[in-house]
């Protein structure tokens, strides 16, 4: 099983088959609009703009599980991201990343790339997962890791 074997709804509520991203390097992030890390949207969009024509997709998954920092509706989330950070990369419907109702994609990502001391829990918003072109999970990055710090790994995966 790979990250490409899942579906998720976009902000309009339409199902998206992640198989459409086969052959691309994926940067998958749980996001929030009212978080200290929210300005990372700008860095995520910069990565998307720099690499989208070279085979990289950034996928944003809003989550309200950490300090209730993503309380808005899908429409509000989309408008916020576009207006404040110029986000053009795909954003998905709000999901849970931890607990019994965690989205299956995030269950898979956490299992394949556990955090510190083997923990599968996501600690906060803007945890990032880099996924290889074949859908296998390459690495997990902490919320405090700036998107620009992933550039070397992204370029490495593009060259594979």
C-alpha atoms as a PDB file:
ATOM      1  CA  UNK A   1       0.000   0.000   0.000  1.00  0.00           C
ATOM      2  CA  UNK A   2       1.216   3.503  -0.788  1.00  0.00           C
ATOM      3  CA  UNK A   3       0.066   7.091  -0.277  1.00  0.00           C
ATOM      4  CA  UNK A   4      -1.390   6.915  -3.791  1.00  0.00           C
ATOM      5  CA  UNK A   5      -3.942   4.289  -2.713  1.00  0.00           C
ATOM      6  CA  UNK A   6      -6.158   6.785  -0.878  1.00  0.00           C
ATOM      7  CA  UNK A   7      -8.915   9.230  -1.685  1.00  0.00           C
ATOM      8  CA  UNK A   8      -9.721  12.526   0.000  1.00  0.00           C
ATOM      9  CA  UNK A   9     -12.320  15.199  -0.611  1.00  0.00           C
ATOM     10  CA  UNK A  10     -11.202  18.579  -1.917  1.00  0.00           C
ATOM     11  CA  UNK A  11     -12.504  21.830  -0.400  1.00  0.00           C
ATOM     12  CA  UNK A  12     -15.547  21.619  -2.670  1.00  0.00           C
ATOM     13  CA  UNK A  13     -16.370  18.178  -1.248  1.00  0.00           C
ATOM     14  CA  UNK A  14     -15.461  16.281  -4.425  1.00  0.00           C
ATOM     15  CA  UNK A  15     -13.492  13.043  -4.046  1.00  0.00           C
ATOM     16  CA  UNK A  16      -9.906  13.135  -5.310  1.00  0.00           C
ATOM     17  CA  UNK A  17      -8.112   9.886  -6.115  1.00  0.00           C
ATOM     18  CA  UNK A  18      -4.486  10.373  -5.087  1.00  0.00           C
ATOM     19  CA  UNK A  19      -3.456   7.980  -7.875  1.00  0.00           C
ATOM     20  CA  UNK A  20      -3.611  11.047 -10.127  1.00  0.00           C
ATOM     21  CA  UNK A  21      -0.351  12.131  -8.457  1.00  0.00           C
ATOM     22  CA  UNK A  22       1.540   8.966  -9.468  1.00  0.00           C
ATOM     23  CA  UNK A  23       4.996   9.906 -10.742  1.00  0.00           C
ATOM     24  CA  UNK A  24       5.105  13.103  -8.677  1.00  0.00           C
ATOM     25  CA  UNK A  25       6.920  13.916  -5.463  1.00  0.00           C
ATOM     26  CA  UNK A  26       4.280  14.847  -2.880  1.00  0.00           C
ATOM     27  CA  UNK A  27       4.590  17.187   0.070  1.00  0.00           C
ATOM     28  CA  UNK A  28       1.584  16.440   2.295  1.00  0.00           C
ATOM     29  CA  UNK A  29       0.904  18.840   5.181  1.00  0.00           C
ATOM     30  CA  UNK A  30      -1.750  19.164   7.885  1.00  0.00           C
ATOM     31  CA  UNK A  31      -2.554  22.868   7.985  1.00  0.00           C
ATOM     32  CA  UNK A  32      -4.436  25.461  10.041  1.00  0.00           C
ATOM     33  CA  UNK A  33      -5.409  29.088   9.501  1.00  0.00           C
ATOM     34  CA  UNK A  34      -4.899  30.368  13.073  1.00  0.00           C
ATOM     35  CA  UNK A  35      -1.580  28.782  14.012  1.00  0.00           C
ATOM     36  CA  UNK A  36       1.825  30.249  14.786  1.00  0.00           C
ATOM     37  CA  UNK A  37       3.087  28.210  11.814  1.00  0.00           C
ATOM     38  CA  UNK A  38       0.370  29.481   9.436  1.00  0.00           C
ATOM     39  CA  UNK A  39       2.897  31.770   7.641  1.00  0.00           C
ATOM     40  CA  UNK A  40       4.440  28.521   6.335  1.00  0.00           C
ATOM     41  CA  UNK A  41       1.686  28.630   3.701  1.00  0.00           C
ATOM     42  CA  UNK A  42       3.907  31.165   1.954  1.00  0.00           C
ATOM     43  CA  UNK A  43       6.881  28.750   1.905  1.00  0.00           C
ATOM     44  CA  UNK A  44       4.692  25.840   0.822  1.00  0.00           C
ATOM     45  CA  UNK A  45       3.326  27.913  -2.054  1.00  0.00           C
ATOM     46  CA  UNK A  46       6.894  28.913  -3.016  1.00  0.00           C
ATOM     47  CA  UNK A  47       7.857  25.219  -3.229  1.00  0.00           C
ATOM     48  CA  UNK A  48       4.759  24.515  -5.297  1.00  0.00           C
ATOM     49  CA  UNK A  49       5.514  27.363  -7.713  1.00  0.00           C
ATOM     50  CA  UNK A  50       9.189  26.396  -8.009  1.00  0.00           C
ATOM     51  CA  UNK A  51       8.602  22.688  -8.617  1.00  0.00           C
ATOM     52  CA  UNK A  52       5.046  22.135  -9.905  1.00  0.00           C
ATOM     53  CA  UNK A  53       6.235  21.936 -13.509  1.00  0.00           C
ATOM     54  CA  UNK A  54       9.049  19.585 -12.483  1.00  0.00           C
ATOM     55  CA  UNK A  55       6.809  16.983 -10.857  1.00  0.00           C
ATOM     56  CA  UNK A  56       6.059  18.145  -7.309  1.00  0.00           C
ATOM     57  CA  UNK A  57       2.619  18.570  -5.764  1.00  0.00           C
ATOM     58  CA  UNK A  58       1.924  20.165  -2.380  1.00  0.00           C
ATOM     59  CA  UNK A  59      -1.271  18.877  -0.751  1.00  0.00           C
ATOM     60  CA  UNK A  60      -2.773  20.770   2.186  1.00  0.00           C
ATOM     61  CA  UNK A  61      -5.085  19.060   4.683  1.00  0.00           C
ATOM     62  CA  UNK A  62      -6.722  21.466   7.158  1.00  0.00           C
ATOM     63  CA  UNK A  63      -7.089  20.061  10.665  1.00  0.00           C
ATOM     64  CA  UNK A  64      -8.857  21.486  13.726  1.00  0.00           C
ATOM     65  CA  UNK A  65      -7.408  19.036  16.274  1.00  0.00           C
ATOM     66  CA  UNK A  66      -4.696  21.303  17.673  1.00  0.00           C
ATOM     67  CA  UNK A  67      -5.935  24.221  19.733  1.00  0.00           C
ATOM     68  CA  UNK A  68      -9.026  24.534  17.488  1.00  0.00           C
ATOM     69  CA  UNK A  69      -6.883  26.575  15.080  1.00  0.00           C
ATOM     70  CA  UNK A  70      -8.913  25.655  11.980  1.00  0.00           C
ATOM     71  CA  UNK A  71     -12.534  26.358  12.957  1.00  0.00           C
ATOM     72  CA  UNK A  72     -13.727  27.632   9.557  1.00  0.00           C
ATOM     73  CA  UNK A  73     -15.792  26.023   6.850  1.00  0.00           C
ATOM     74  CA  UNK A  74     -14.197  24.695   3.665  1.00  0.00           C
ATOM     75  CA  UNK A  75     -15.121  27.925   1.867  1.00  0.00           C
ATOM     76  CA  UNK A  76     -13.628  30.072   4.618  1.00  0.00           C
ATOM     77  CA  UNK A  77     -10.431  28.008   4.653  1.00  0.00           C
ATOM     78  CA  UNK A  78     -10.005  28.291   0.881  1.00  0.00           C
ATOM     79  CA  UNK A  79     -10.668  32.040   0.867  1.00  0.00           C
ATOM     80  CA  UNK A  80      -8.255  32.611   3.765  1.00  0.00           C
ATOM     81  CA  UNK A  81      -5.433  30.655   2.115  1.00  0.00           C
ATOM     82  CA  UNK A  82      -5.864  32.367  -1.234  1.00  0.00           C
ATOM     83  CA  UNK A  83      -6.309  35.898   0.129  1.00  0.00           C
ATOM     84  CA  UNK A  84      -3.576  35.834   2.769  1.00  0.00           C
ATOM     85  CA  UNK A  85      -0.966  33.552   1.231  1.00  0.00           C
ATOM     86  CA  UNK A  86      -1.820  33.250  -2.465  1.00  0.00           C
ATOM     87  CA  UNK A  87      -2.221  29.492  -2.101  1.00  0.00           C
ATOM     88  CA  UNK A  88      -2.810  27.773  -5.434  1.00  0.00           C
ATOM     89  CA  UNK A  89      -1.748  24.236  -4.465  1.00  0.00           C
ATOM     90  CA  UNK A  90      -4.533  21.691  -3.836  1.00  0.00           C
ATOM     91  CA  UNK A  91      -6.298  22.043  -0.508  1.00  0.00           C
ATOM     92  CA  UNK A  92      -8.524  19.330   0.868  1.00  0.00           C
ATOM     93  CA  UNK A  93     -11.506  19.163   3.180  1.00  0.00           C
ATOM     94  CA  UNK A  94     -10.869  19.414   6.902  1.00  0.00           C
ATOM     95  CA  UNK A  95      -9.818  16.092   8.429  1.00  0.00           C
ATOM     96  CA  UNK A  96      -8.610  14.532  11.664  1.00  0.00           C
ATOM     97  CA  UNK A  97      -4.993  13.360  11.681  1.00  0.00           C
ATOM     98  CA  UNK A  98      -5.024  11.652  15.107  1.00  0.00           C
ATOM     99  CA  UNK A  99      -7.460   9.403  16.932  1.00  0.00           C
ATOM    100  CA  UNK A 100     -10.120   6.938  15.842  1.00  0.00           C
ATOM    101  CA  UNK A 101     -11.451   9.267  13.142  1.00  0.00           C
ATOM    102  CA  UNK A 102      -8.042  10.040  11.611  1.00  0.00           C
ATOM    103  CA  UNK A 103      -8.107  10.055   7.821  1.00  0.00           C
ATOM    104  CA  UNK A 104      -6.736   6.751   6.432  1.00  0.00           C
ATOM    105  CA  UNK A 105      -4.064   8.645   4.465  1.00  0.00           C
ATOM    106  CA  UNK A 106      -2.653  10.129   7.673  1.00  0.00           C
ATOM    107  CA  UNK A 107      -2.850   6.780   9.460  1.00  0.00           C
ATOM    108  CA  UNK A 108      -0.699   5.412   6.633  1.00  0.00           C
ATOM    109  CA  UNK A 109       1.751   8.347   6.638  1.00  0.00           C
ATOM    110  CA  UNK A 110       2.230   8.166  10.423  1.00  0.00           C
ATOM    111  CA  UNK A 111       2.764   4.409  10.300  1.00  0.00           C
ATOM    112  CA  UNK A 112       5.383   4.630   7.549  1.00  0.00           C
ATOM    113  CA  UNK A 113       7.189   7.679   8.996  1.00  0.00           C
ATOM    114  CA  UNK A 114       6.761   7.757  12.773  1.00  0.00           C
ATOM    115  CA  UNK A 115       7.865  10.775  14.765  1.00  0.00           C
ATOM    116  CA  UNK A 116      10.277  11.020  17.674  1.00  0.00           C
ATOM    117  CA  UNK A 117      10.739   7.840  19.684  1.00  0.00           C
ATOM    118  CA  UNK A 118       8.538   5.980  17.211  1.00  0.00           C
ATOM    119  CA  UNK A 119       5.387   7.907  18.077  1.00  0.00           C
ATOM    120  CA  UNK A 120       2.733   7.825  15.396  1.00  0.00           C
ATOM    121  CA  UNK A 121       0.872  10.803  16.843  1.00  0.00           C
ATOM    122  CA  UNK A 122       1.066  14.107  15.041  1.00  0.00           C
ATOM    123  CA  UNK A 123       2.006  16.735  17.612  1.00  0.00           C
ATOM    124  CA  UNK A 124       0.817  19.917  15.890  1.00  0.00           C
ATOM    125  CA  UNK A 125      -0.237  21.645  12.697  1.00  0.00           C
ATOM    126  CA  UNK A 126       2.165  21.838   9.758  1.00  0.00           C
ATOM    127  CA  UNK A 127       3.677  18.395  10.230  1.00  0.00           C
ATOM    128  CA  UNK A 128       5.004  17.566   6.766  1.00  0.00           C
ATOM    129  CA  UNK A 129       5.434  14.274   4.913  1.00  0.00           C
ATOM    130  CA  UNK A 130       7.517  13.909   1.765  1.00  0.00           C
ATOM    131  CA  UNK A 131       6.373  11.087  -0.518  1.00  0.00           C
ATOM    132  CA  UNK A 132       8.374   9.567  -3.378  1.00  0.00           C
ATOM    133  CA  UNK A 133       7.110   9.331  -6.962  1.00  0.00           C
ATOM    134  CA  UNK A 134       6.035   5.726  -6.372  1.00  0.00           C
ATOM    135  CA  UNK A 135       3.887   6.736  -3.384  1.00  0.00           C
ATOM    136  CA  UNK A 136       6.252   5.412  -0.709  1.00  0.00           C
ATOM    137  CA  UNK A 137       6.765   7.676   2.285  1.00  0.00           C
ATOM    138  CA  UNK A 138      10.261   9.187   2.353  1.00  0.00           C
ATOM    139  CA  UNK A 139      10.365  11.304   5.514  1.00  0.00           C
ATOM    140  CA  UNK A 140       8.419  13.184   8.177  1.00  0.00           C
ATOM    141  CA  UNK A 141       9.277  16.765   9.185  1.00  0.00           C
ATOM    142  CA  UNK A 142       8.370  18.611  12.372  1.00  0.00           C
ATOM    143  CA  UNK A 143       5.980  21.585  12.362  1.00  0.00           C
ATOM    144  CA  UNK A 144       8.875  23.963  13.104  1.00  0.00           C
ATOM    145  CA  UNK A 145      10.786  22.787  10.011  1.00  0.00           C
ATOM    146  CA  UNK A 146      10.459  25.575   7.452  1.00  0.00           C
ATOM    147  CA  UNK A 147       9.383  24.474   3.971  1.00  0.00           C
ATOM    148  CA  UNK A 148      12.640  25.857   2.511  1.00  0.00           C
ATOM    149  CA  UNK A 149      14.545  23.286   4.603  1.00  0.00           C
ATOM    150  CA  UNK A 150      13.010  20.528   2.461  1.00  0.00           C
ATOM    151  CA  UNK A 151      14.475  21.745  -0.835  1.00  0.00           C
ATOM    152  CA  UNK A 152      17.483  19.397  -0.848  1.00  0.00           C
ATOM    153  CA  UNK A 153      15.297  16.366  -0.145  1.00  0.00           C
ATOM    154  CA  UNK A 154      12.772  17.407  -2.813  1.00  0.00           C
ATOM    155  CA  UNK A 155      15.518  17.801  -5.403  1.00  0.00           C
ATOM    156  CA  UNK A 156      16.978  14.423  -4.391  1.00  0.00           C
ATOM    157  CA  UNK A 157      13.609  12.714  -4.872  1.00  0.00           C
ATOM    158  CA  UNK A 158      13.038  14.417  -8.219  1.00  0.00           C
ATOM    159  CA  UNK A 159      16.377  13.051  -9.435  1.00  0.00           C
ATOM    160  CA  UNK A 160      15.425   9.447  -8.526  1.00  0.00           C
END
